[in-house]
Amino acid sequence: MLNMNKKLEQREKEGKIIKCGIVGAGQMGRGMVTQMVLMKGITPAVVSDIDLKLAVHAFKYAGVKDEDIVRTNEVAEADKAMDEGKYVATTNSNLISQCRPVEVAIDATGVPDVGAKVATNAINNKKHVVMLNVETDVVIGPLLDKMAKDNGVIYTGSAGDEPGAVMELYDFATAMGLEVKVMGKGKNNRIDKNCNPDTVLEEATRRKMSPKMLCAFKDGTKTMVEMTAMSNATGLVPDVIGGHGIASDVKSLNETYKLKEDGGILKQHGVVEYVNGIAPGVFVTVATDNEEIAYQMQYHSMGPGPLWTLYRPYHLCNLETPLTAAKVVIDGEPTIVPKNGLVSECITVAKIDLKAGQTIDGIGGYTTYGSICKHEEAKEKGYVPYGLVNHKAVMKRDVKKGELITYDDIELDTTTLIYKLRQEQDKIFG
């Protein structure tokens, strides 16, 4: 994001303020709105949430006066308000794509099917899309990217979210001619695959979080989704289903991530991973065949080699998202996008023993969690993409706790937009 501060300052001086529309005013959306109000050259012109109070409060947290907030579900009224420099709060997410002044649609809901609707509506209305909703991206990201290109706009993941944050390190390393052997993220606490919204309620309330969101963090689903996004953007793969998830500090990664025959834990290089103990950071572990560069890496205190780890000790998630919106509009470039088709899949795992006829739930729920798997293996064995599972999914047969759920095991809700788009994507990319 070099020089983005100057570029935004110039937009401010010229009166070319980038107007963004944000869907979802929970923790992620609220913080994003507040951050964007503080910035130059960009503004959260309209915020949508199914609870209007949350959309209004997002602006008020940012210090926006009530008289400057227009509450409406009508396009014409919203357009007029934005032209007058006011902010729009709405329960009509379609305003994001239909309002003339909006240049960038940002989804911050974390709900796969909502993300599909927001993205496709925006793309079809020639709006750029910044997808903070990685849960949608790992299911239909390649199709959304293709749709965006066909419509002359940009689809991208977000800076600050771990896939976007580590992509900056990946691009930095590969631009220098280094080979990325491992790409990954830290995790705040050890995975608890048995947790559910009830067991995390007290902590979620204390941290002002949705219990479902916190559950998705603790049961590992968010980590698996993020690793899948990293994989799909780079071609790196999981070494094993679910990753190794070691406990380590940064310095020890250089030894741990050697191949097994060299005393490490990996069967192969070119993988995505997560590490307990280095959160909230992201990292890439790199190598070079050049003796001089290896010497220079040692000289610069990076360690003896043959592996070296580049580490960023933070990711500011939603607070960095506005920078991606600015990069899209000003530079015409995305932050992170999937390659041509899927490389990895976030698949569905039984959190508890499941019975035939039982209705189950999806992300952050009581019955399932997500794990990462190579796409080709998932396709071969029929593992179900986790983002296709919702509260209307019904088990067709018994599945034991910890088993990977296949299409033969489950009756999915095929009425959702994301399911239909996934079917279309599979026809195009396989």
Protein backbone atom coordinates (compact mmCIF):
# COMPACT_ATOMS: atom_id res chain seq x y z
CA MET A 1 0.00 0.00 0.00
CA LEU A 2 2.93 2.31 -0.64
CA ASN A 3 1.87 5.94 -1.26
CA MET A 4 -1.81 5.16 -0.66
CA ASN A 5 -1.91 7.90 1.98
CA LYS A 6 -0.82 10.46 -0.63
CA LYS A 7 -3.22 9.12 -3.23
CA LEU A 8 -6.13 9.36 -0.80
CA GLU A 9 -5.11 12.87 0.22
CA GLN A 10 -5.15 13.86 -3.44
CA ARG A 11 -8.63 12.38 -3.89
CA GLU A 12 -9.77 14.41 -0.90
CA LYS A 13 -8.34 17.62 -2.35
CA GLU A 14 -9.99 16.98 -5.71
CA GLY A 15 -13.33 16.12 -4.11
CA LYS A 16 -13.24 12.63 -5.63
CA ILE A 17 -14.26 10.81 -2.48
CA ILE A 18 -14.53 7.03 -2.93
CA LYS A 19 -18.02 6.09 -1.77
CA CYS A 20 -18.34 2.60 -0.32
CA GLY A 21 -21.36 0.52 0.58
CA ILE A 22 -20.97 -1.90 3.49
CA VAL A 23 -23.24 -4.86 4.16
CA GLY A 24 -23.17 -6.04 7.76
CA ALA A 25 -22.87 -3.74 10.79
CA GLY A 26 -21.71 -6.26 13.36
CA GLN A 27 -18.26 -6.11 14.89
CA MET A 28 -16.43 -6.22 11.56
CA GLY A 29 -18.67 -3.71 9.78
CA ARG A 30 -18.86 -1.36 12.75
CA GLY A 31 -15.10 -1.10 13.10
CA MET A 32 -14.69 -0.66 9.35
CA VAL A 33 -17.17 2.23 9.29
CA THR A 34 -15.40 3.97 12.15
CA GLN A 35 -11.99 3.57 10.51
CA MET A 36 -13.22 4.79 7.14
CA VAL A 37 -14.78 7.95 8.62
CA LEU A 38 -11.33 8.88 9.96
CA MET A 39 -9.66 8.51 6.56
CA LYS A 40 -9.23 10.97 3.73
CA GLY A 41 -10.50 10.37 0.22
CA ILE A 42 -12.89 7.55 1.10
CA THR A 43 -16.18 7.26 3.00
CA PRO A 44 -18.69 4.62 4.16
CA ALA A 45 -21.52 6.26 2.26
CA VAL A 46 -24.13 3.59 2.99
CA VAL A 47 -24.35 0.82 5.57
CA SER A 48 -26.88 -2.01 5.39
CA ASP A 49 -27.92 -4.41 8.13
CA ILE A 50 -31.06 -6.45 8.78
CA ASP A 51 -31.19 -4.52 12.08
CA LEU A 52 -31.42 -0.83 11.23
CA LYS A 53 -30.26 0.13 14.72
CA LEU A 54 -26.93 -1.58 14.09
CA ALA A 55 -26.41 0.33 10.86
CA VAL A 56 -27.22 3.64 12.61
CA HIS A 57 -25.02 2.80 15.59
CA ALA A 58 -22.10 2.02 13.27
CA PHE A 59 -22.15 5.62 12.13
CA LYS A 60 -22.63 6.96 15.65
CA TYR A 61 -19.65 4.97 16.95
CA ALA A 62 -17.67 6.83 14.28
CA GLY A 63 -18.86 10.19 15.61
CA VAL A 64 -21.38 10.93 12.85
CA LYS A 65 -24.18 13.21 14.04
CA ASP A 66 -27.71 11.88 13.90
CA GLU A 67 -28.84 14.67 11.58
CA ASP A 68 -26.26 13.49 9.05
CA ILE A 69 -27.67 9.93 8.96
CA VAL A 70 -30.51 9.31 6.52
CA ARG A 71 -32.58 6.18 7.18
CA THR A 72 -34.10 4.91 3.96
CA ASN A 73 -34.70 1.86 1.79
CA GLU A 74 -35.33 3.92 -1.35
CA VAL A 75 -32.66 4.32 -4.03
CA ALA A 76 -33.57 7.87 -5.06
CA GLU A 77 -33.59 9.13 -1.48
CA ALA A 78 -30.28 7.40 -0.77
CA ASP A 79 -28.67 8.87 -3.90
CA LYS A 80 -29.81 12.36 -2.90
CA ALA A 81 -28.49 11.94 0.63
CA MET A 82 -25.07 10.80 -0.59
CA ASP A 83 -24.89 13.66 -3.11
CA GLU A 84 -25.44 16.02 -0.17
CA GLY A 85 -22.60 14.43 1.79
CA LYS A 86 -24.82 12.58 4.24
CA TYR A 87 -24.64 8.94 5.31
CA VAL A 88 -27.29 6.32 4.57
CA ALA A 89 -28.45 3.58 6.95
CA THR A 90 -30.70 0.91 5.47
CA THR A 91 -32.08 -2.59 5.85
CA ASN A 92 -32.16 -2.95 2.05
CA SER A 93 -28.83 -4.47 1.03
CA ASN A 94 -29.79 -3.96 -2.63
CA LEU A 95 -29.11 -0.24 -2.16
CA ILE A 96 -25.41 -1.06 -2.10
CA SER A 97 -25.49 -2.20 -5.71
CA GLN A 98 -28.25 0.07 -7.00
CA CYS A 99 -27.17 3.48 -5.69
CA ARG A 100 -25.40 5.55 -8.33
CA PRO A 101 -22.66 7.13 -6.13
CA VAL A 102 -21.43 3.82 -4.68
CA GLU A 103 -18.25 2.56 -6.34
CA VAL A 104 -17.33 -0.34 -4.05
CA ALA A 105 -19.52 -2.92 -2.32
CA ILE A 106 -18.03 -4.53 0.80
CA ASP A 107 -19.51 -7.65 2.37
CA ALA A 108 -18.78 -8.04 6.08
CA THR A 109 -21.50 -10.51 7.04
CA GLY A 110 -19.58 -13.79 7.19
CA VAL A 111 -22.67 -15.59 5.84
CA PRO A 112 -21.87 -17.51 2.63
CA ASP A 113 -25.20 -17.09 0.83
CA VAL A 114 -25.47 -13.41 1.78
CA GLY A 115 -21.99 -12.85 0.39
CA ALA A 116 -23.03 -14.50 -2.86
CA LYS A 117 -26.02 -12.18 -3.19
CA VAL A 118 -24.09 -9.03 -2.32
CA ALA A 119 -21.27 -9.85 -4.73
CA THR A 120 -23.41 -10.84 -7.69
CA ASN A 121 -25.77 -7.88 -7.29
CA ALA A 122 -22.82 -5.50 -7.13
CA ILE A 123 -20.99 -7.05 -10.08
CA ASN A 124 -24.12 -7.04 -12.23
CA ASN A 125 -24.49 -3.34 -11.42
CA LYS A 126 -20.86 -2.60 -12.33
CA LYS A 127 -19.63 -2.09 -8.76
CA HIS A 128 -16.29 -3.34 -7.49
CA VAL A 129 -16.50 -5.98 -4.74
CA VAL A 130 -14.30 -6.25 -1.64
CA MET A 131 -15.08 -9.57 0.02
CA LEU A 132 -14.31 -9.57 3.73
CA ASN A 133 -16.60 -12.61 3.77
CA VAL A 134 -13.97 -15.28 3.12
CA GLU A 135 -16.57 -17.96 3.78
CA THR A 136 -18.17 -17.06 0.43
CA ASP A 137 -14.88 -16.66 -1.40
CA VAL A 138 -13.62 -20.19 -0.72
CA VAL A 139 -16.79 -21.64 -2.25
CA ILE A 140 -17.36 -19.49 -5.36
CA GLY A 141 -14.44 -17.06 -5.51
CA PRO A 142 -13.19 -18.16 -8.96
CA LEU A 143 -16.66 -17.64 -10.47
CA LEU A 144 -17.09 -14.24 -8.82
CA ASP A 145 -13.69 -13.17 -10.12
CA LYS A 146 -14.65 -14.27 -13.63
CA MET A 147 -18.00 -12.48 -13.41
CA ALA A 148 -16.28 -9.30 -12.26
CA LYS A 149 -13.78 -9.39 -15.11
CA ASP A 150 -16.59 -10.01 -17.60
CA ASN A 151 -18.34 -6.90 -16.25
CA GLY A 152 -15.25 -4.68 -16.22
CA VAL A 153 -14.97 -4.45 -12.43
CA ILE A 154 -12.70 -5.93 -9.76
CA TYR A 155 -13.43 -8.69 -7.26
CA THR A 156 -10.99 -9.05 -4.37
CA GLY A 157 -10.42 -10.27 -0.85
CA SER A 158 -9.50 -7.76 1.82
CA ALA A 159 -6.27 -6.35 3.17
CA GLY A 160 -5.92 -6.95 6.89
CA ASP A 161 -7.77 -10.25 6.90
CA GLU A 162 -5.15 -12.94 7.29
CA PRO A 163 -5.20 -14.16 3.67
CA GLY A 164 -4.77 -10.59 2.42
CA ALA A 165 -2.15 -9.76 5.04
CA VAL A 166 0.00 -12.80 4.28
CA MET A 167 -0.46 -12.26 0.53
CA GLU A 168 1.55 -9.06 0.93
CA LEU A 169 4.43 -11.11 2.36
CA TYR A 170 4.05 -13.72 -0.38
CA ASP A 171 4.16 -11.08 -3.11
CA PHE A 172 7.15 -9.40 -1.42
CA ALA A 173 9.09 -12.66 -1.19
CA THR A 174 8.34 -13.91 -4.70
CA ALA A 175 9.05 -10.48 -6.21
CA MET A 176 12.56 -10.78 -4.70
CA GLY A 177 13.01 -14.19 -6.33
CA LEU A 178 12.68 -16.18 -3.10
CA GLU A 179 10.76 -19.45 -3.10
CA VAL A 180 7.89 -19.66 -0.63
CA LYS A 181 7.97 -23.07 1.03
CA VAL A 182 5.28 -22.43 3.67
CA MET A 183 2.62 -19.72 3.96
CA GLY A 184 0.53 -19.36 7.06
CA LYS A 185 -1.02 -17.64 10.02
CA GLY A 186 -0.97 -17.72 13.77
CA LYS A 187 -3.89 -18.83 15.89
CA ASN A 188 -4.89 -17.09 19.11
CA ASN A 189 -5.79 -20.23 21.02
CA ARG A 190 -5.80 -23.96 20.52
CA ILE A 191 -8.63 -25.38 18.50
CA ASP A 192 -11.61 -26.63 20.51
CA LYS A 193 -13.56 -28.75 18.06
CA ASN A 194 -16.25 -29.44 20.67
CA CYS A 195 -17.29 -25.83 21.29
CA ASN A 196 -20.66 -24.40 20.28
CA PRO A 197 -22.46 -21.04 20.63
CA ASP A 198 -23.65 -21.95 24.14
CA THR A 199 -20.23 -22.90 25.51
CA VAL A 200 -18.67 -19.66 24.24
CA LEU A 201 -21.59 -17.36 25.11
CA GLU A 202 -20.04 -15.83 28.22
CA GLU A 203 -16.78 -15.01 26.47
CA ALA A 204 -18.57 -13.75 23.37
CA THR A 205 -20.71 -11.42 25.48
CA ARG A 206 -17.65 -10.10 27.29
CA ARG A 207 -15.84 -9.47 24.01
CA LYS A 208 -18.93 -7.96 22.31
CA MET A 209 -18.87 -10.68 19.66
CA SER A 210 -21.45 -12.90 18.07
CA PRO A 211 -21.33 -16.34 19.77
CA LYS A 212 -21.44 -17.96 16.33
CA MET A 213 -18.43 -15.93 15.18
CA LEU A 214 -16.43 -16.80 18.29
CA CYS A 215 -17.40 -20.45 17.92
CA ALA A 216 -16.16 -20.44 14.32
CA PHE A 217 -12.82 -19.10 15.57
CA LYS A 218 -12.51 -21.63 18.39
CA ASP A 219 -13.58 -24.74 16.50
CA GLY A 220 -11.00 -23.92 13.83
CA THR A 221 -13.38 -23.21 10.96
CA LYS A 222 -12.18 -19.64 10.42
CA THR A 223 -8.57 -20.80 10.33
CA MET A 224 -9.41 -23.48 7.77
CA VAL A 225 -11.36 -21.00 5.64
CA GLU A 226 -8.46 -18.56 5.71
CA MET A 227 -5.90 -21.22 4.82
CA THR A 228 -8.14 -22.29 1.93
CA ALA A 229 -8.20 -18.72 0.62
CA MET A 230 -4.39 -18.56 0.84
CA SER A 231 -4.14 -21.82 -1.06
CA ASN A 232 -6.56 -20.78 -3.78
CA ALA A 233 -4.68 -17.53 -4.37
CA THR A 234 -1.20 -19.06 -4.60
CA GLY A 235 -1.40 -22.73 -5.55
CA LEU A 236 0.09 -23.85 -2.24
CA VAL A 237 -1.70 -26.84 -0.67
CA PRO A 238 -2.28 -28.36 2.78
CA ASP A 239 0.35 -30.93 3.66
CA VAL A 240 -2.34 -33.00 5.40
CA ILE A 241 -6.09 -32.52 5.78
CA GLY A 242 -6.59 -29.84 8.43
CA GLY A 243 -2.90 -28.90 8.54
CA HIS A 244 -0.38 -29.78 11.24
CA GLY A 245 -1.22 -26.86 13.55
CA ILE A 246 2.02 -26.97 15.51
CA ALA A 247 2.81 -24.94 18.64
CA SER A 248 5.89 -22.81 17.98
CA ASP A 249 7.51 -19.42 18.13
CA VAL A 250 8.64 -17.70 14.93
CA LYS A 251 12.33 -18.61 15.24
CA SER A 252 11.61 -22.34 15.48
CA LEU A 253 9.66 -22.44 12.21
CA ASN A 254 12.85 -22.57 10.15
CA GLU A 255 13.72 -25.95 11.65
CA THR A 256 10.22 -27.34 12.11
CA TYR A 257 9.20 -26.71 8.51
CA LYS A 258 12.02 -28.73 7.02
CA LEU A 259 11.03 -31.89 5.18
CA LYS A 260 10.72 -35.08 7.23
CA GLU A 261 13.90 -36.51 5.75
CA ASP A 262 15.74 -33.41 6.95
CA GLY A 263 14.36 -33.56 10.49
CA GLY A 264 11.21 -31.48 10.01
CA ILE A 265 7.52 -32.34 9.93
CA LEU A 266 6.49 -31.75 6.31
CA LYS A 267 5.97 -34.35 3.61
CA GLN A 268 6.34 -31.64 0.97
CA HIS A 269 7.02 -27.95 0.57
CA GLY A 270 4.71 -25.45 -1.07
CA VAL A 271 2.11 -25.69 1.69
CA VAL A 272 -0.25 -23.59 3.80
CA GLU A 273 -0.24 -23.98 7.60
CA TYR A 274 -1.30 -22.46 10.91
CA VAL A 275 0.70 -22.12 14.11
CA ASN A 276 -0.36 -21.92 17.74
CA GLY A 277 1.75 -19.31 19.50
CA ILE A 278 2.45 -16.57 16.94
CA ALA A 279 -0.97 -14.92 16.71
CA PRO A 280 -2.04 -12.41 15.57
CA GLY A 281 0.72 -12.59 12.98
CA VAL A 282 1.14 -14.09 9.53
CA PHE A 283 4.27 -15.52 7.91
CA VAL A 284 5.98 -17.02 4.91
CA THR A 285 8.93 -19.39 5.22
CA VAL A 286 11.24 -19.04 2.23
CA ALA A 287 14.33 -20.56 0.62
CA THR A 288 16.82 -19.89 -2.15
CA ASP A 289 19.24 -22.01 -4.17
CA ASN A 290 21.63 -19.09 -4.59
CA GLU A 291 24.65 -19.26 -2.27
CA GLU A 292 25.20 -15.50 -2.25
CA ILE A 293 21.60 -14.73 -1.31
CA ALA A 294 21.76 -17.43 1.37
CA TYR A 295 24.86 -15.72 2.76
CA GLN A 296 23.12 -12.34 2.66
CA MET A 297 20.09 -13.72 4.51
CA GLN A 298 22.40 -14.99 7.26
CA TYR A 299 24.23 -11.65 7.32
CA HIS A 300 20.90 -9.87 7.82
CA SER A 301 20.24 -11.97 10.95
CA MET A 302 17.58 -14.17 9.36
CA GLY A 303 19.17 -17.39 10.60
CA PRO A 304 21.53 -20.03 9.21
CA GLY A 305 19.09 -21.42 6.63
CA PRO A 306 18.23 -23.23 4.48
CA LEU A 307 14.81 -21.83 5.50
CA TRP A 308 14.05 -18.30 6.66
CA THR A 309 10.78 -16.92 7.97
CA LEU A 310 9.37 -13.49 7.17
CA TYR A 311 6.84 -12.51 9.82
CA ARG A 312 4.27 -9.76 10.15
CA PRO A 313 3.20 -9.58 13.82
CA TYR A 314 -0.27 -8.16 13.26
CA HIS A 315 -3.28 -8.11 10.99
CA LEU A 316 -5.88 -5.41 11.53
CA CYS A 317 -8.62 -7.16 9.58
CA ASN A 318 -11.61 -4.84 9.02
CA LEU A 319 -9.59 -1.72 9.86
CA GLU A 320 -7.42 -2.35 6.79
CA THR A 321 -10.31 -3.17 4.46
CA PRO A 322 -10.71 0.46 3.30
CA LEU A 323 -7.19 0.28 1.88
CA THR A 324 -8.27 -2.52 -0.45
CA ALA A 325 -11.28 -0.47 -1.57
CA ALA A 326 -8.94 2.42 -2.31
CA LYS A 327 -6.46 0.19 -4.14
CA VAL A 328 -9.26 -1.14 -6.33
CA VAL A 329 -10.54 2.30 -7.34
CA ILE A 330 -7.25 4.20 -7.54
CA ASP A 331 -4.81 1.56 -8.77
CA GLY A 332 -7.24 -0.84 -10.43
CA GLU A 333 -5.67 -3.75 -8.54
CA PRO A 334 -7.00 -6.43 -6.17
CA THR A 335 -5.40 -7.48 -2.88
CA ILE A 336 -6.00 -11.23 -3.12
CA VAL A 337 -8.03 -13.28 -5.60
CA PRO A 338 -8.33 -17.02 -6.27
CA LYS A 339 -6.40 -18.50 -9.16
CA ASN A 340 -8.15 -20.03 -12.15
CA GLY A 341 -10.32 -22.49 -10.22
CA LEU A 342 -10.01 -23.96 -6.75
CA VAL A 343 -6.79 -25.40 -5.35
CA SER A 344 -8.16 -26.29 -1.92
CA GLU A 345 -11.58 -26.76 -0.39
CA CYS A 346 -12.95 -26.06 3.07
CA ILE A 347 -14.85 -29.28 3.72
CA THR A 348 -17.45 -30.31 6.32
CA VAL A 349 -16.70 -32.35 9.45
CA ALA A 350 -19.16 -33.77 11.99
CA LYS A 351 -18.74 -31.98 15.34
CA ILE A 352 -20.98 -34.51 17.08
CA ASP A 353 -22.49 -37.89 16.21
CA LEU A 354 -25.12 -37.16 13.54
CA LYS A 355 -28.21 -39.25 12.86
CA ALA A 356 -30.15 -39.87 9.65
CA GLY A 357 -33.03 -37.39 9.38
CA GLN A 358 -31.31 -34.86 11.65
CA THR A 359 -31.28 -31.22 10.56
CA ILE A 360 -27.82 -29.75 11.02
CA ASP A 361 -26.27 -26.30 10.88
CA GLY A 362 -23.24 -24.61 9.35
CA ILE A 363 -20.52 -22.13 10.31
CA GLY A 364 -20.26 -21.35 14.02
CA GLY A 365 -22.95 -23.85 14.94
CA TYR A 366 -23.58 -26.96 17.02
CA THR A 367 -23.15 -29.86 14.62
CA THR A 368 -20.32 -29.28 12.14
CA TYR A 369 -17.04 -27.47 11.57
CA GLY A 370 -14.73 -26.88 8.61
CA SER A 371 -11.37 -28.33 7.59
CA ILE A 372 -9.01 -27.78 4.66
CA CYS A 373 -8.42 -30.39 1.96
CA LYS A 374 -6.95 -30.38 -1.54
CA HIS A 375 -9.71 -29.63 -4.04
CA GLU A 376 -8.93 -32.63 -6.22
CA GLU A 377 -9.12 -34.97 -3.24
CA ALA A 378 -12.37 -33.37 -2.07
CA LYS A 379 -13.87 -33.77 -5.52
CA GLU A 380 -12.71 -37.38 -5.83
CA LYS A 381 -14.11 -38.42 -2.46
CA GLY A 382 -17.25 -36.24 -2.58
CA TYR A 383 -16.50 -34.10 0.47
CA VAL A 384 -19.08 -31.34 0.93
CA PRO A 385 -17.88 -27.69 0.69
CA TYR A 386 -18.66 -26.22 4.09
CA GLY A 387 -20.10 -22.99 2.77
CA LEU A 388 -22.96 -24.94 1.16
CA VAL A 389 -24.19 -26.22 4.53
CA ASN A 390 -26.94 -24.25 6.24
CA HIS A 391 -29.66 -24.88 8.84
CA LYS A 392 -31.87 -26.60 6.26
CA ALA A 393 -29.37 -29.37 5.52
CA VAL A 394 -30.59 -32.84 6.53
CA MET A 395 -28.55 -35.97 7.17
CA LYS A 396 -29.39 -38.94 4.94
CA ARG A 397 -27.47 -41.42 7.10
CA ASP A 398 -25.59 -41.65 10.38
CA VAL A 399 -22.14 -40.05 10.57
CA LYS A 400 -19.80 -40.34 13.55
CA LYS A 401 -18.15 -37.39 15.28
CA GLY A 402 -14.96 -36.40 13.44
CA GLU A 403 -15.92 -37.98 10.12
CA LEU A 404 -15.74 -35.99 6.89
CA ILE A 405 -19.21 -35.50 5.43
CA THR A 406 -19.82 -36.44 1.80
CA TYR A 407 -22.61 -35.64 -0.65
CA ASP A 408 -23.90 -39.18 -0.06
CA ASP A 409 -24.36 -38.38 3.63
CA ILE A 410 -26.39 -35.20 3.37
CA GLU A 411 -29.34 -33.53 1.65
CA LEU A 412 -28.25 -29.94 1.01
CA ASP A 413 -30.49 -26.94 0.59
CA THR A 414 -30.29 -26.54 -3.18
CA THR A 415 -32.44 -23.40 -3.28
CA THR A 416 -29.66 -21.07 -2.15
CA LEU A 417 -27.89 -18.77 -4.57
CA ILE A 418 -24.46 -19.95 -3.46
CA TYR A 419 -25.40 -23.57 -4.24
CA LYS A 420 -26.55 -22.61 -7.73
CA LEU A 421 -23.43 -20.52 -8.34
CA ARG A 422 -21.23 -23.37 -7.14
CA GLN A 423 -22.90 -25.68 -9.65
CA GLU A 424 -22.12 -23.14 -12.38
CA GLN A 425 -18.52 -22.76 -11.18
CA ASP A 426 -17.99 -26.53 -11.21
CA LYS A 427 -19.09 -26.65 -14.84
CA ILE A 428 -16.57 -23.94 -15.78
CA PHE A 429 -13.56 -24.83 -13.66
CA GLY A 430 -14.21 -28.43 -12.66
